[in-house]
C-alpha atoms as a PDB file:
ATOM      1  CA  MET A   1      34.945 -21.307  -1.308  1.00  0.00           C
ATOM      2  CA  ILE A   2      33.421 -23.812   1.133  1.00  0.00           C
ATOM      3  CA  ILE A   3      36.163 -23.595   4.005  1.00  0.00           C
ATOM      4  CA  SER A   4      35.667 -19.375   3.820  1.00  0.00           C
ATOM      5  CA  GLN A   5      31.912 -19.291   3.843  1.00  0.00           C
ATOM      6  CA  ALA A   6      32.112 -21.453   7.037  1.00  0.00           C
ATOM      7  CA  LYS A   7      34.707 -19.785   8.224  1.00  0.00           C
ATOM      8  CA  ARG A   8      33.287 -16.538   7.669  1.00  0.00           C
ATOM      9  CA  LYS A   9      29.723 -17.166   9.860  1.00  0.00           C
ATOM     10  CA  GLU A  10      31.707 -18.726  12.389  1.00  0.00           C
ATOM     11  CA  ASN A  11      34.844 -16.711  13.062  1.00  0.00           C
ATOM     12  CA  ILE A  12      35.901 -13.862  11.016  1.00  0.00           C
ATOM     13  CA  ALA A  13      39.025 -13.684  12.291  1.00  0.00           C
ATOM     14  CA  GLU A  14      40.015 -17.536  11.240  1.00  0.00           C
ATOM     15  CA  TYR A  15      38.159 -15.923   8.079  1.00  0.00           C
ATOM     16  CA  LEU A  16      40.560 -13.203   7.271  1.00  0.00           C
ATOM     17  CA  LEU A  17      43.359 -15.290   8.098  1.00  0.00           C
ATOM     18  CA  TYR A  18      42.417 -17.894   5.477  1.00  0.00           C
ATOM     19  CA  MET A  19      41.703 -15.117   3.235  1.00  0.00           C
ATOM     20  CA  TRP A  20      45.186 -14.190   3.438  1.00  0.00           C
ATOM     21  CA  GLN A  21      46.183 -17.953   2.803  1.00  0.00           C
ATOM     22  CA  VAL A  22      44.228 -18.032  -0.003  1.00  0.00           C
ATOM     23  CA  GLU A  23      46.003 -15.052  -1.544  1.00  0.00           C
ATOM     24  CA  ASP A  24      49.405 -16.635  -1.121  1.00  0.00           C
ATOM     25  CA  ILE A  25      48.233 -19.788  -2.365  1.00  0.00           C
ATOM     26  CA  ILE A  26      47.214 -18.327  -5.547  1.00  0.00           C
ATOM     27  CA  ARG A  27      50.679 -16.250  -5.715  1.00  0.00           C
ATOM     28  CA  ALA A  28      52.650 -19.612  -5.250  1.00  0.00           C
ATOM     29  CA  MET A  29      50.644 -21.475  -8.308  1.00  0.00           C
ATOM     30  CA  SER A  30      51.093 -17.674 -10.363  1.00  0.00           C
ATOM     31  CA  MET A  31      47.798 -16.858 -10.505  1.00  0.00           C
ATOM     32  CA  ASP A  32      47.164 -20.314 -12.926  1.00  0.00           C
ATOM     33  CA  ILE A  33      43.594 -21.381 -12.200  1.00  0.00           C
ATOM     34  CA  ASP A  34      44.874 -25.064 -14.006  1.00  0.00           C
ATOM     35  CA  LYS A  35      47.979 -25.255 -10.760  1.00  0.00           C
ATOM     36  CA  ILE A  36      44.920 -24.700  -8.418  1.00  0.00           C
ATOM     37  CA  LYS A  37      42.382 -27.181 -10.078  1.00  0.00           C
ATOM     38  CA  ALA A  38      45.223 -29.734 -10.149  1.00  0.00           C
ATOM     39  CA  GLY A  39      46.541 -28.874  -6.734  1.00  0.00           C
ATOM     40  CA  ILE A  40      43.257 -27.726  -4.682  1.00  0.00           C
ATOM     41  CA  ILE A  41      40.060 -28.198  -6.285  1.00  0.00           C
ATOM     42  CA  ASP A  42      40.063 -31.910  -7.818  1.00  0.00           C
ATOM     43  CA  HIS A  43      40.883 -33.088  -3.979  1.00  0.00           C
ATOM     44  CA  TYR A  44      37.036 -32.027  -3.333  1.00  0.00           C
ATOM     45  CA  ASP A  45      34.890 -34.792  -3.074  1.00  0.00           C
ATOM     46  CA  VAL A  46      31.664 -32.682  -4.464  1.00  0.00           C
ATOM     47  CA  ASP A  47      29.449 -32.961  -7.273  1.00  0.00           C
ATOM     48  CA  ASP A  48      30.129 -30.868 -10.398  1.00  0.00           C
ATOM     49  CA  ARG A  49      27.998 -28.113  -9.832  1.00  0.00           C
ATOM     50  CA  THR A  50      29.779 -27.770  -6.508  1.00  0.00           C
ATOM     51  CA  ARG A  51      33.442 -27.924  -8.465  1.00  0.00           C
ATOM     52  CA  LYS A  52      32.112 -25.391 -10.719  1.00  0.00           C
ATOM     53  CA  GLU A  53      31.238 -23.021  -7.893  1.00  0.00           C
ATOM     54  CA  ILE A  54      34.695 -23.304  -6.243  1.00  0.00           C
ATOM     55  CA  ILE A  55      36.383 -22.925  -9.867  1.00  0.00           C
ATOM     56  CA  ASP A  56      34.582 -19.856 -10.402  1.00  0.00           C
ATOM     57  CA  TRP A  57      35.431 -18.512  -6.705  1.00  0.00           C
ATOM     58  CA  TRP A  58      39.200 -19.089  -7.207  1.00  0.00           C
ATOM     59  CA  GLU A  59      39.122 -17.568 -10.888  1.00  0.00           C
ATOM     60  CA  GLY A  60      37.277 -14.479  -9.306  1.00  0.00           C
ATOM     61  CA  LEU A  61      40.111 -14.007  -6.716  1.00  0.00           C
ATOM     62  CA  ILE A  62      42.731 -14.053  -9.608  1.00  0.00           C
ATOM     63  CA  MET A  63      40.728 -11.642 -11.636  1.00  0.00           C
ATOM     64  CA  MET A  64      40.390  -9.418  -8.421  1.00  0.00           C
ATOM     65  CA  MET A  65      44.383  -9.989  -7.585  1.00  0.00           C
ATOM     66  CA  GLN A  66      45.335  -8.989 -11.155  1.00  0.00           C
ATOM     67  CA  HIS A  67      42.636  -6.038 -11.497  1.00  0.00           C
ATOM     68  CA  GLU A  68      43.888  -4.626  -8.020  1.00  0.00           C
ATOM     69  CA  GLY A  69      47.845  -5.122  -8.778  1.00  0.00           C
ATOM     70  CA  LYS A  70      48.101  -8.308  -6.240  1.00  0.00           C
ATOM     71  CA  GLN A  71      50.390 -10.480  -8.062  1.00  0.00           C
ATOM     72  CA  GLN A  72      53.002 -10.380  -5.804  1.00  0.00           C
ATOM     73  CA  ALA A  73      52.065  -9.103  -2.401  1.00  0.00           C
ATOM     74  CA  GLY A  74      49.396  -6.828  -0.573  1.00  0.00           C
ATOM     75  CA  HIS A  75      45.832  -7.617   0.482  1.00  0.00           C
ATOM     76  CA  LEU A  76      42.716  -7.607  -1.450  1.00  0.00           C
ATOM     77  CA  GLN A  77      40.242  -5.105  -1.073  1.00  0.00           C
ATOM     78  CA  ILE A  78      37.506  -7.306  -0.365  1.00  0.00           C
ATOM     79  CA  ASN A  79      39.758  -8.487   2.769  1.00  0.00           C
ATOM     80  CA  LYS A  80      40.931  -4.925   3.650  1.00  0.00           C
ATOM     81  CA  ASN A  81      37.333  -4.269   4.212  1.00  0.00           C
ATOM     82  CA  VAL A  82      37.238  -7.062   6.802  1.00  0.00           C
ATOM     83  CA  LEU A  83      39.618  -5.405   8.428  1.00  0.00           C
ATOM     84  CA  ILE A  84      38.261  -1.922   8.533  1.00  0.00           C
ATOM     85  CA  ARG A  85      34.852  -3.583   9.937  1.00  0.00           C
ATOM     86  CA  LEU A  86      36.872  -5.195  12.958  1.00  0.00           C
ATOM     87  CA  ASN A  87      38.908  -1.970  13.264  1.00  0.00           C
ATOM     88  CA  ASP A  88      35.486  -0.009  13.076  1.00  0.00           C
ATOM     89  CA  LEU A  89      33.919  -2.743  15.894  1.00  0.00           C
ATOM     90  CA  HIS A  90      37.357  -2.103  17.763  1.00  0.00           C
ATOM     91  CA  ALA A  91      36.360   1.365  18.221  1.00  0.00           C
ATOM     92  CA  GLU A  92      33.370   1.387  19.153  1.00  0.00           C
ATOM     93  CA  LEU A  93      33.563  -1.362  21.763  1.00  0.00           C
ATOM     94  CA  MET A  94      37.059   0.733  23.084  1.00  0.00           C
ATOM     95  CA  GLN A  95      34.801   3.912  23.317  1.00  0.00           C
ATOM     96  CA  SER A  96      31.921   1.529  25.098  1.00  0.00           C
ATOM     97  CA  PRO A  97      31.133   1.398  28.900  1.00  0.00           C
ATOM     98  CA  LYS A  98      29.504  -1.638  28.256  1.00  0.00           C
ATOM     99  CA  TYR A  99      32.347  -3.865  27.862  1.00  0.00           C
ATOM    100  CA  PRO A 100      35.173  -3.133  30.006  1.00  0.00           C
ATOM    101  CA  GLU A 101      36.120  -6.716  29.693  1.00  0.00           C
ATOM    102  CA  TYR A 102      37.304  -6.124  25.909  1.00  0.00           C
ATOM    103  CA  GLY A 103      39.116  -2.544  26.960  1.00  0.00           C
ATOM    104  CA  ALA A 104      40.804  -4.917  29.327  1.00  0.00           C
ATOM    105  CA  GLU A 105      42.031  -7.356  26.901  1.00  0.00           C
ATOM    106  CA  PHE A 106      42.996  -5.152  24.776  1.00  0.00           C
ATOM    107  CA  TYR A 107      45.573  -3.226  27.025  1.00  0.00           C
ATOM    108  CA  LYS A 108      46.490  -6.870  27.911  1.00  0.00           C
ATOM    109  CA  THR A 109      47.461  -7.153  24.667  1.00  0.00           C
ATOM    110  CA  LEU A 110      49.029  -3.549  23.272  1.00  0.00           C
ATOM    111  CA  PRO A 111      52.631  -4.113  24.915  1.00  0.00           C
ATOM    112  CA  PHE A 112      53.149  -6.581  22.750  1.00  0.00           C
ATOM    113  CA  ILE A 113      51.653  -5.107  19.736  1.00  0.00           C
ATOM    114  CA  VAL A 114      54.020  -1.777  20.358  1.00  0.00           C
ATOM    115  CA  GLU A 115      56.797  -4.219  20.773  1.00  0.00           C
ATOM    116  CA  LEU A 116      56.007  -5.650  17.389  1.00  0.00           C
ATOM    117  CA  ARG A 117      55.737  -2.231  16.112  1.00  0.00           C
ATOM    118  CA  ALA A 118      58.827  -1.169  17.331  1.00  0.00           C
ATOM    119  CA  LYS A 119      60.575  -3.933  15.474  1.00  0.00           C
ATOM    120  CA  THR A 120      58.968  -3.171  12.340  1.00  0.00           C
ATOM    121  CA  PRO A 121      60.130  -0.418   9.648  1.00  0.00           C
ATOM    122  CA  GLU A 122      58.257   2.733   9.695  1.00  0.00           C
ATOM    123  CA  GLU A 123      57.387   2.505   6.057  1.00  0.00           C
ATOM    124  CA  GLN A 124      55.934  -0.773   6.807  1.00  0.00           C
ATOM    125  CA  GLN A 125      54.153   0.290  10.099  1.00  0.00           C
ATOM    126  CA  VAL A 126      50.283  -0.390   9.971  1.00  0.00           C
ATOM    127  CA  GLY A 127      47.070   0.007  12.609  1.00  0.00           C
ATOM    128  CA  GLU A 128      47.159  -2.375  16.072  1.00  0.00           C
ATOM    129  CA  LEU A 129      44.596  -4.878  14.686  1.00  0.00           C
ATOM    130  CA  GLU A 130      46.353  -5.555  11.528  1.00  0.00           C
ATOM    131  CA  THR A 131      49.817  -5.710  13.701  1.00  0.00           C
ATOM    132  CA  CYS A 132      47.722  -8.425  15.634  1.00  0.00           C
ATOM    133  CA  PHE A 133      47.077 -10.432  12.415  1.00  0.00           C
ATOM    134  CA  ASN A 134      50.256  -9.730  10.695  1.00  0.00           C
ATOM    135  CA  ALA A 135      51.719 -11.464  13.998  1.00  0.00           C
ATOM    136  CA  LEU A 136      49.179 -14.314  13.755  1.00  0.00           C
ATOM    137  CA  TYR A 137      49.732 -15.282   9.942  1.00  0.00           C
ATOM    138  CA  GLY A 138      53.639 -14.808  10.627  1.00  0.00           C
ATOM    139  CA  THR A 139      53.162 -17.586  13.521  1.00  0.00           C
ATOM    140  CA  LEU A 140      50.930 -19.934  10.896  1.00  0.00           C
ATOM    141  CA  MET A 141      53.534 -19.569   8.708  1.00  0.00           C
ATOM    142  CA  LEU A 142      56.221 -20.573  10.698  1.00  0.00           C
ATOM    143  CA  LYS A 143      54.081 -23.755  11.759  1.00  0.00           C
ATOM    144  CA  LEU A 144      53.405 -25.037   8.504  1.00  0.00           C
ATOM    145  CA  GLN A 145      57.654 -24.943   7.731  1.00  0.00           C
ATOM    146  CA  GLY A 146      57.795 -26.640  10.812  1.00  0.00           C
ATOM    147  CA  LYS A 147      60.014 -23.772  12.651  1.00  0.00           C
ATOM    148  CA  GLU A 148      60.256 -23.175  16.544  1.00  0.00           C
ATOM    149  CA  MET A 149      58.959 -19.975  18.076  1.00  0.00           C
ATOM    150  CA  SER A 150      60.966 -18.506  21.471  1.00  0.00           C
ATOM    151  CA  LYS A 151      58.923 -18.963  24.823  1.00  0.00           C
ATOM    152  CA  GLU A 152      58.689 -14.923  24.630  1.00  0.00           C
ATOM    153  CA  THR A 153      57.193 -15.037  21.323  1.00  0.00           C
ATOM    154  CA  GLN A 154      54.948 -17.921  22.109  1.00  0.00           C
ATOM    155  CA  VAL A 155      53.484 -15.592  25.328  1.00  0.00           C
ATOM    156  CA  ALA A 156      52.816 -12.883  22.611  1.00  0.00           C
ATOM    157  CA  ILE A 157      51.100 -14.765  20.495  1.00  0.00           C
ATOM    158  CA  ASP A 158      49.067 -16.496  22.617  1.00  0.00           C
ATOM    159  CA  GLN A 159      47.776 -13.224  24.181  1.00  0.00           C
ATOM    160  CA  ILE A 160      47.316 -11.717  20.825  1.00  0.00           C
ATOM    161  CA  SER A 161      45.213 -14.770  19.794  1.00  0.00           C
ATOM    162  CA  HIS A 162      43.224 -14.297  22.946  1.00  0.00           C
ATOM    163  CA  PHE A 163      42.246 -10.807  22.217  1.00  0.00           C
ATOM    164  CA  ILE A 164      41.907 -11.307  18.566  1.00  0.00           C
ATOM    165  CA  GLY A 165      39.433 -14.356  19.377  1.00  0.00           C
ATOM    166  CA  THR A 166      37.535 -12.089  21.838  1.00  0.00           C
ATOM    167  CA  LEU A 167      37.036  -9.176  19.097  1.00  0.00           C
ATOM    168  CA  ALA A 168      35.794 -12.166  16.662  1.00  0.00           C
ATOM    169  CA  ALA A 169      33.472 -13.383  19.469  1.00  0.00           C
ATOM    170  CA  PHE A 170      32.310  -9.626  19.874  1.00  0.00           C
ATOM    171  CA  TYR A 171      31.792  -9.505  15.937  1.00  0.00           C
ATOM    172  CA  LYS A 172      29.909 -12.834  15.561  1.00  0.00           C
ATOM    173  CA  LYS A 173      27.618 -11.324  18.487  1.00  0.00           C
ATOM    174  CA  ASN A 174      27.082  -7.878  16.583  1.00  0.00           C
ATOM    175  CA  GLU A 175      26.554  -9.424  13.535  1.00  0.00           C
ATOM    176  CA  GLU A 176      23.659 -11.584  15.083  1.00  0.00           C
ATOM    177  CA  LYS A 177      22.335  -8.849  16.865  1.00  0.00           C
ATOM    178  CA  PRO A 178      23.538  -5.142  16.964  1.00  0.00           C
ATOM    179  CA  LEU A 179      25.917  -4.507  20.062  1.00  0.00           C
ATOM    180  CA  PHE A 180      25.084  -0.388  19.521  1.00  0.00           C
ATOM    181  CA  GLU A 181      21.807   1.251  18.288  1.00  0.00           C
ATOM    182  CA  GLU A 182      22.360   3.712  15.413  1.00  0.00           C
END
C-alpha cells in the first residue's frame, strides 16, 4: 500500500507494473492474508494503525480478485482502468501536433511492438501499450529469476522502457495540469 501510493504519484508505469506484481504475489500466497502477513506485512516497521491499513489494503485486493475471478490469472479492473487511461492519453498525444517528440518515440518503439505481437498467439494479443507493459513485466520476472536476455531483446526492452517512461512523464504532467483543453 505504501509503495503503491508512492509509485502512483511518481510514475504511473512503475505503479502498474508493481500492481501486476502484487496480483502475482497474492496468487503465489494462495490468496491467504495470513501468508501475506507473515511473508510481507510483518516485515514493515510501522505503527499499529498503518499496519491495519496495509492489511485492509491487501484484504481488499484479495476480495477484488475473488469477486472478479482473477485467482488464477488476469488483472484487476482497477489496474485495467489505469491502462485504459494511459491508452486514452497515448491516443491524444499521437493525434496532437503539440507533442511531436512523443509520436517520434512511439514510432521508434513500434517495430519492437510489432515483433513482440508476431510472437504472441493471436488469441493472446493485446493492444500496443499492454504489449509494452507485458514485455517490461516479463523482463522484471526474468531478472527476479536471475535469467539472462539476449542483446537483441535488451535493445528492444531499453526502447520500450524509454517509450513507456516518456508516456509516464506525460501522464504525470497531465495529472498536474491537463495537457489538452476540454
